[in-house]
Amino acid sequence: MLEIQGVKLYDTQDLAAMLNVSRTTVSNLRNKGKLKYTRIGKKLYTSEEALREYLNGILVVREK
């Protein structure tokens, strides 16, 4: 994890571990536009906010 001016940024390996998926799956989510990212140098990073947006989009809250 990288933090710049209070913004947490996660690289592909971080996200794969957090989501319990492969690095390829993280790359596919980015390529399909489902997970926003930014490039810093040669690495791709996803902000904590972008990760929250993605998770809110896939999680369904069950109502009783």
C-alpha atoms as a PDB file:
ATOM      1  CA  MET A   1       0.000   0.000   0.000  1.00  0.00           C
ATOM      2  CA  LEU A   2       1.123   3.486  -0.857  1.00  0.00           C
ATOM      3  CA  GLU A   3      -0.210   6.625   0.796  1.00  0.00           C
ATOM      4  CA  ILE A   4       0.044  10.014  -0.880  1.00  0.00           C
ATOM      5  CA  GLN A   5      -1.393  13.084   0.857  1.00  0.00           C
ATOM      6  CA  GLY A   6      -3.674  10.907   2.954  1.00  0.00           C
ATOM      7  CA  VAL A   7      -4.989   8.881   0.005  1.00  0.00           C
ATOM      8  CA  LYS A   8      -4.413   5.139   0.292  1.00  0.00           C
ATOM      9  CA  LEU A   9      -3.448   3.464  -2.978  1.00  0.00           C
ATOM     10  CA  TYR A  10      -3.353  -0.293  -3.492  1.00  0.00           C
ATOM     11  CA  ASP A  11      -1.328  -2.083  -6.156  1.00  0.00           C
ATOM     12  CA  THR A  12      -2.422  -5.244  -7.941  1.00  0.00           C
ATOM     13  CA  GLN A  13      -0.861  -7.570  -5.381  1.00  0.00           C
ATOM     14  CA  ASP A  14      -2.509  -5.707  -2.475  1.00  0.00           C
ATOM     15  CA  LEU A  15      -5.940  -5.883  -4.113  1.00  0.00           C
ATOM     16  CA  ALA A  16      -5.593  -9.554  -5.013  1.00  0.00           C
ATOM     17  CA  ALA A  17      -4.804 -10.396  -1.391  1.00  0.00           C
ATOM     18  CA  MET A  18      -7.600  -8.206  -0.007  1.00  0.00           C
ATOM     19  CA  LEU A  19     -10.241  -9.580  -2.381  1.00  0.00           C
ATOM     20  CA  ASN A  20      -8.912 -13.150  -2.295  1.00  0.00           C
ATOM     21  CA  VAL A  21      -8.621 -13.303  -6.100  1.00  0.00           C
ATOM     22  CA  SER A  22      -5.732 -13.670  -8.516  1.00  0.00           C
ATOM     23  CA  ARG A  23      -3.709 -10.761  -9.886  1.00  0.00           C
ATOM     24  CA  THR A  24      -5.133 -11.651 -13.311  1.00  0.00           C
ATOM     25  CA  THR A  25      -8.662 -11.132 -11.982  1.00  0.00           C
ATOM     26  CA  VAL A  26      -7.694  -7.690 -10.662  1.00  0.00           C
ATOM     27  CA  SER A  27      -6.205  -6.824 -14.057  1.00  0.00           C
ATOM     28  CA  ASN A  28      -9.367  -8.030 -15.808  1.00  0.00           C
ATOM     29  CA  LEU A  29     -11.555  -5.878 -13.546  1.00  0.00           C
ATOM     30  CA  ARG A  30      -9.426  -2.858 -14.438  1.00  0.00           C
ATOM     31  CA  ASN A  31      -9.443  -3.647 -18.161  1.00  0.00           C
ATOM     32  CA  LYS A  32     -13.247  -4.012 -18.150  1.00  0.00           C
ATOM     33  CA  GLY A  33     -13.593  -0.626 -16.453  1.00  0.00           C
ATOM     34  CA  LYS A  34     -15.109  -2.074 -13.287  1.00  0.00           C
ATOM     35  CA  LEU A  35     -12.218  -0.989 -11.078  1.00  0.00           C
ATOM     36  CA  LYS A  36     -10.739   2.488 -11.514  1.00  0.00           C
ATOM     37  CA  TYR A  37      -6.991   2.921 -11.360  1.00  0.00           C
ATOM     38  CA  THR A  38      -4.130   5.319 -11.888  1.00  0.00           C
ATOM     39  CA  ARG A  39      -0.599   4.725 -13.113  1.00  0.00           C
ATOM     40  CA  ILE A  40       2.344   5.961 -11.085  1.00  0.00           C
ATOM     41  CA  GLY A  41       5.579   5.181 -12.844  1.00  0.00           C
ATOM     42  CA  LYS A  42       5.212   1.646 -14.169  1.00  0.00           C
ATOM     43  CA  LYS A  43       2.724   0.443 -11.523  1.00  0.00           C
ATOM     44  CA  LEU A  44      -1.054   0.593 -11.447  1.00  0.00           C
ATOM     45  CA  TYR A  45      -2.818   1.662  -8.256  1.00  0.00           C
ATOM     46  CA  THR A  46      -6.436   1.746  -7.155  1.00  0.00           C
ATOM     47  CA  SER A  47      -7.513   4.238  -4.507  1.00  0.00           C
ATOM     48  CA  GLU A  48      -9.393   3.239  -1.390  1.00  0.00           C
ATOM     49  CA  GLU A  49     -12.357   5.282  -2.668  1.00  0.00           C
ATOM     50  CA  ALA A  50     -12.379   3.451  -6.021  1.00  0.00           C
ATOM     51  CA  LEU A  51     -12.219   0.117  -4.204  1.00  0.00           C
ATOM     52  CA  ARG A  52     -15.214   1.145  -2.058  1.00  0.00           C
ATOM     53  CA  GLU A  53     -17.167   2.140  -5.182  1.00  0.00           C
ATOM     54  CA  TYR A  54     -16.450  -1.244  -6.753  1.00  0.00           C
ATOM     55  CA  LEU A  55     -17.420  -3.162  -3.619  1.00  0.00           C
ATOM     56  CA  ASN A  56     -20.626  -1.147  -3.182  1.00  0.00           C
ATOM     57  CA  GLY A  57     -21.536  -2.033  -6.751  1.00  0.00           C
ATOM     58  CA  ILE A  58     -21.155  -5.790  -6.264  1.00  0.00           C
ATOM     59  CA  LEU A  59     -22.454  -6.203  -2.729  1.00  0.00           C
ATOM     60  CA  VAL A  60     -26.174  -6.645  -2.332  1.00  0.00           C
ATOM     61  CA  VAL A  61     -27.793  -5.938   1.003  1.00  0.00           C
ATOM     62  CA  ARG A  62     -30.547  -8.395   1.831  1.00  0.00           C
ATOM     63  CA  GLU A  63     -33.647  -6.916   3.376  1.00  0.00           C
ATOM     64  CA  LYS A  64     -35.804  -8.939   5.750  1.00  0.00           C
END
